[in-house]
Amino acid sequence: MNVSRGQPSVTERPYLLMTLAGIGILGCAVVIIGMFVAQALVPDYHWVSDTISDLAAGEWEIVMDVSLYGFAAGLFAVSLAAAHAHLGRTGWSIGVVSFAILAALVIIIGARNEYGDGDNNGVVIHIYLVYGLGALFTLAPLCMAGGIGYYSTRAKRALIGLALAWAVLCPVFLLSPTSIDGLLERVLGLIACAIVVTLCTVFFQRGNRTRKQDA
C-alpha cells in the first residue's frame, strides 16, 4: 500500500495497547479491593448471604460506587484495546461492542442505586441491567475466543471455560436463596475479572512483543 510522505503507516501502537491492558487489569484490582474495604466499613455485613450490591447503598455507598466506576473504566479499556488490536472478524467486532456496552451497564448500575436500600420508586431497571451483564459476559468472551486462539491457545481455552462457567452460574445465582447469593455473586465477579485479565494479558504481551520488534 502506498503511503504519502508524512502520513503515518497504519499499525498497532505498542505503548497504547500495553497501557489499555494495564488499565483493564487495574480496573479489576480496584473493584476487588473496593469490595473488601466496603465490607469492612458496613456493619453487620456477611459476605455469603449479603450481595455486593448491598455494599453500594447506604452510608458507605461511595466506596463501592467508585469501585464499580473503576471496573467500568477497565471494561472500556478492554474494548479500546480489542478494537486497536483487532484479532478476528465479525465475532471479534461483536466482542468489542459488547465490552463497551458492559462498561456502560456497570456505570448505570453504580449511578442508579436501585439495590440494597429497598428503594423502588420510579422506573426500576436494575434487574434488566443484570440480565444485560449476564448475556454480554457470556457473549463477549465466546465471540473473541476464536480470534485470541490465533495468538494463544491457552487464552482461547480460558475464555471458553470462563464463559461457560459464567453461563452456568448466572441462572443459579438468580434462582439461589438469599442465604448464599452473596457468595455466588462474588464467584461471578471473579469470573468476570478473570475474563478481563485473560484478554489484557494477551494484549499486554502483544504490545510488548511489538515494542521489542520496533526497538
Protein backbone atom coordinates (compact mmCIF):
# COMPACT_ATOMS: atom_id res chain seq x y z
CA MET A 1 0.00 0.00 0.00
CA ASN A 2 1.36 3.40 -0.93
CA VAL A 3 1.65 5.88 1.89
CA SER A 4 2.15 9.56 1.15
CA ARG A 5 5.14 11.31 2.68
CA GLY A 6 4.48 12.44 6.23
CA GLN A 7 1.46 10.18 6.69
CA PRO A 8 1.95 7.56 9.45
CA SER A 9 1.51 3.93 8.47
CA VAL A 10 -1.46 2.08 9.91
CA THR A 11 -0.10 -0.17 12.66
CA GLU A 12 -0.61 -1.09 16.28
CA ARG A 13 0.86 1.23 18.88
CA PRO A 14 2.52 -1.00 21.49
CA TYR A 15 2.52 1.52 24.34
CA LEU A 16 -1.14 2.32 23.77
CA LEU A 17 -2.00 -1.38 23.80
CA MET A 18 0.07 -2.02 26.93
CA THR A 19 -1.44 1.00 28.70
CA LEU A 20 -5.01 -0.08 27.91
CA ALA A 21 -4.20 -3.59 29.12
CA GLY A 22 -2.83 -2.16 32.34
CA ILE A 23 -5.98 -0.08 32.86
CA GLY A 24 -8.11 -3.19 32.35
CA ILE A 25 -6.19 -5.14 34.98
CA LEU A 26 -6.19 -2.14 37.33
CA GLY A 27 -9.98 -1.88 36.99
CA CYS A 28 -10.31 -5.46 38.24
CA ALA A 29 -7.98 -4.75 41.16
CA VAL A 30 -9.95 -1.63 42.08
CA VAL A 31 -13.31 -3.41 42.25
CA ILE A 32 -11.90 -6.29 44.30
CA ILE A 33 -10.08 -4.01 46.75
CA GLY A 34 -13.11 -1.73 46.98
CA MET A 35 -15.32 -4.69 47.84
CA PHE A 36 -13.09 -5.69 50.76
CA VAL A 37 -12.87 -2.09 52.01
CA ALA A 38 -16.64 -1.63 51.80
CA GLN A 39 -17.22 -4.93 53.63
CA ALA A 40 -15.04 -3.73 56.49
CA LEU A 41 -16.95 -0.44 56.75
CA VAL A 42 -20.54 -1.73 56.56
CA PRO A 43 -21.75 -3.05 59.95
CA ASP A 44 -23.37 -6.49 60.27
CA TYR A 45 -22.40 -7.43 56.73
CA HIS A 46 -21.95 -11.10 55.79
CA TRP A 47 -20.16 -11.87 52.53
CA VAL A 48 -22.00 -15.17 51.98
CA SER A 49 -25.60 -14.01 52.41
CA ASP A 50 -25.24 -10.31 51.53
CA THR A 51 -24.59 -9.31 47.93
CA ILE A 52 -22.03 -6.88 46.56
CA SER A 53 -24.95 -4.69 45.52
CA ASP A 54 -25.81 -4.23 49.21
CA LEU A 55 -22.44 -2.51 49.63
CA ALA A 56 -23.36 0.08 47.01
CA ALA A 57 -26.22 1.54 49.06
CA GLY A 58 -26.28 3.34 52.37
CA GLU A 59 -23.73 5.45 54.24
CA TRP A 60 -20.64 3.95 52.58
CA GLU A 61 -22.05 3.58 49.08
CA ILE A 62 -19.38 5.88 47.64
CA VAL A 63 -16.71 3.22 48.21
CA MET A 64 -18.44 0.56 46.14
CA ASP A 65 -19.72 3.05 43.57
CA VAL A 66 -16.20 4.33 42.87
CA SER A 67 -15.00 0.73 42.66
CA LEU A 68 -17.70 -0.05 40.09
CA TYR A 69 -16.70 3.00 38.07
CA GLY A 70 -13.11 1.78 38.16
CA PHE A 71 -14.21 -1.61 36.86
CA ALA A 72 -16.24 0.10 34.13
CA ALA A 73 -13.10 2.00 33.08
CA GLY A 74 -11.29 -1.33 32.87
CA LEU A 75 -14.03 -2.81 30.68
CA PHE A 76 -13.92 0.19 28.37
CA ALA A 77 -10.13 -0.11 28.17
CA VAL A 78 -10.56 -3.74 27.07
CA SER A 79 -12.97 -2.60 24.37
CA LEU A 80 -10.49 0.01 23.12
CA ALA A 81 -7.58 -2.44 23.22
CA ALA A 82 -9.58 -5.06 21.34
CA ALA A 83 -10.56 -2.50 18.70
CA HIS A 84 -6.94 -1.37 18.33
CA ALA A 85 -5.56 -4.92 18.07
CA HIS A 86 -8.38 -6.44 16.06
CA LEU A 87 -7.62 -10.16 16.06
CA GLY A 88 -10.75 -11.51 14.40
CA ARG A 89 -13.64 -10.81 12.09
CA THR A 90 -17.32 -10.21 12.82
CA GLY A 91 -17.28 -12.16 16.09
CA TRP A 92 -14.39 -10.10 17.40
CA SER A 93 -16.18 -6.88 16.48
CA ILE A 94 -19.23 -8.08 18.41
CA GLY A 95 -16.96 -8.64 21.41
CA VAL A 96 -15.54 -5.12 21.08
CA VAL A 97 -19.01 -3.58 21.15
CA SER A 98 -20.11 -5.93 23.95
CA PHE A 99 -17.34 -4.76 26.26
CA ALA A 100 -18.20 -1.12 25.56
CA ILE A 101 -21.84 -1.82 26.46
CA LEU A 102 -20.74 -3.73 29.58
CA ALA A 103 -18.82 -0.66 30.72
CA ALA A 104 -21.94 1.47 30.26
CA LEU A 105 -24.11 -1.03 32.15
CA VAL A 106 -21.75 -1.09 35.13
CA ILE A 107 -21.73 2.72 35.24
CA ILE A 108 -25.53 2.83 35.20
CA ILE A 109 -25.73 0.19 37.92
CA GLY A 110 -23.41 2.26 40.11
CA ALA A 111 -25.25 5.51 39.40
CA ARG A 112 -28.85 4.34 39.74
CA ASN A 113 -28.58 2.98 43.32
CA GLU A 114 -31.59 0.68 42.85
CA TYR A 115 -30.31 -2.06 45.09
CA GLY A 116 -29.70 -2.83 48.70
CA ASP A 117 -31.80 0.05 50.07
CA GLY A 118 -35.27 -1.22 49.16
CA ASP A 119 -35.97 1.90 47.11
CA ASN A 120 -38.39 1.00 44.32
CA ASN A 121 -39.61 4.50 43.46
CA GLY A 122 -39.79 5.41 39.79
CA VAL A 123 -38.75 3.15 36.97
CA VAL A 124 -36.62 0.29 38.32
CA ILE A 125 -34.26 -1.12 35.69
CA HIS A 126 -31.64 -2.85 37.86
CA ILE A 127 -32.78 -6.38 37.07
CA TYR A 128 -32.66 -5.66 33.34
CA LEU A 129 -29.13 -4.33 33.70
CA VAL A 130 -28.21 -7.55 35.48
CA TYR A 131 -29.70 -9.56 32.61
CA GLY A 132 -27.56 -7.49 30.24
CA LEU A 133 -24.43 -8.29 32.23
CA GLY A 134 -25.34 -11.97 32.22
CA ALA A 135 -25.82 -12.09 28.46
CA LEU A 136 -22.83 -9.99 27.44
CA PHE A 137 -20.26 -11.58 29.78
CA THR A 138 -21.23 -14.84 28.08
CA LEU A 139 -21.28 -13.47 24.53
CA ALA A 140 -18.13 -11.32 24.53
CA PRO A 141 -15.51 -13.94 25.51
CA LEU A 142 -17.08 -16.57 23.26
CA CYS A 143 -17.01 -14.17 20.31
CA MET A 144 -13.36 -13.32 20.98
CA ALA A 145 -12.13 -16.85 21.71
CA GLY A 146 -11.62 -17.69 18.05
CA GLY A 147 -9.54 -14.59 17.33
CA ILE A 148 -7.50 -14.90 20.50
CA GLY A 149 -6.78 -18.51 19.61
CA TYR A 150 -4.55 -17.43 16.72
CA TYR A 151 -2.33 -15.78 19.31
CA SER A 152 -2.70 -18.02 22.36
CA THR A 153 -4.38 -21.43 22.56
CA ARG A 154 -4.27 -21.24 26.36
CA ALA A 155 -6.12 -17.91 26.36
CA LYS A 156 -8.73 -19.30 23.97
CA ARG A 157 -9.43 -22.24 26.26
CA ALA A 158 -9.57 -19.95 29.27
CA LEU A 159 -12.10 -17.63 27.64
CA ILE A 160 -14.35 -20.50 26.59
CA GLY A 161 -14.15 -22.13 30.03
CA LEU A 162 -14.83 -18.87 31.84
CA ALA A 163 -17.76 -18.01 29.55
CA LEU A 164 -19.33 -21.43 30.09
CA ALA A 165 -18.83 -21.20 33.86
CA TRP A 166 -20.45 -17.75 33.82
CA ALA A 167 -23.38 -19.02 31.72
CA VAL A 168 -24.00 -21.90 34.12
CA LEU A 169 -23.72 -19.87 37.33
CA CYS A 170 -25.85 -16.91 36.23
CA PRO A 171 -29.22 -18.69 36.41
CA VAL A 172 -28.10 -20.46 39.58
CA PHE A 173 -27.40 -17.05 41.14
CA LEU A 174 -30.74 -15.61 40.03
CA LEU A 175 -32.62 -18.59 41.48
CA SER A 176 -30.50 -19.05 44.61
CA PRO A 177 -31.81 -18.39 48.14
CA THR A 178 -30.68 -15.19 49.80
CA SER A 179 -28.61 -17.20 52.27
CA ILE A 180 -25.92 -17.86 49.64
CA ASP A 181 -26.48 -15.30 46.87
CA GLY A 182 -23.64 -13.13 48.15
CA LEU A 183 -21.16 -15.96 47.72
CA LEU A 184 -22.40 -16.78 44.22
CA GLU A 185 -22.25 -13.13 43.18
CA ARG A 186 -18.61 -12.98 44.28
CA VAL A 187 -17.79 -16.07 42.25
CA LEU A 188 -19.39 -14.45 39.21
CA GLY A 189 -17.43 -11.27 39.88
CA LEU A 190 -14.17 -13.22 39.96
CA ILE A 191 -15.09 -14.92 36.66
CA ALA A 192 -15.76 -11.53 35.07
CA CYS A 193 -12.41 -10.24 36.32
CA ALA A 194 -10.69 -13.39 35.04
CA ILE A 195 -12.14 -12.78 31.57
CA VAL A 196 -10.79 -9.22 31.61
CA VAL A 197 -7.38 -10.25 32.92
CA THR A 198 -7.07 -13.03 30.32
CA LEU A 199 -7.67 -10.61 27.47
CA CYS A 200 -5.49 -7.88 28.98
CA THR A 201 -2.61 -10.31 29.46
CA VAL A 202 -2.70 -11.18 25.76
CA PHE A 203 -2.93 -7.51 24.78
CA PHE A 204 -0.01 -6.57 27.03
CA GLN A 205 2.13 -9.42 25.72
CA ARG A 206 1.28 -8.49 22.13
CA GLY A 207 2.14 -4.85 22.75
CA ASN A 208 5.37 -5.76 24.49
CA ARG A 209 6.40 -8.04 21.62
CA THR A 210 5.69 -5.30 19.07
CA ARG A 211 7.69 -2.84 21.19
CA LYS A 212 10.71 -5.15 21.17
CA GLN A 213 10.42 -5.68 17.43
CA ASP A 214 10.32 -1.94 16.83
CA ALA A 215 13.32 -1.28 19.09
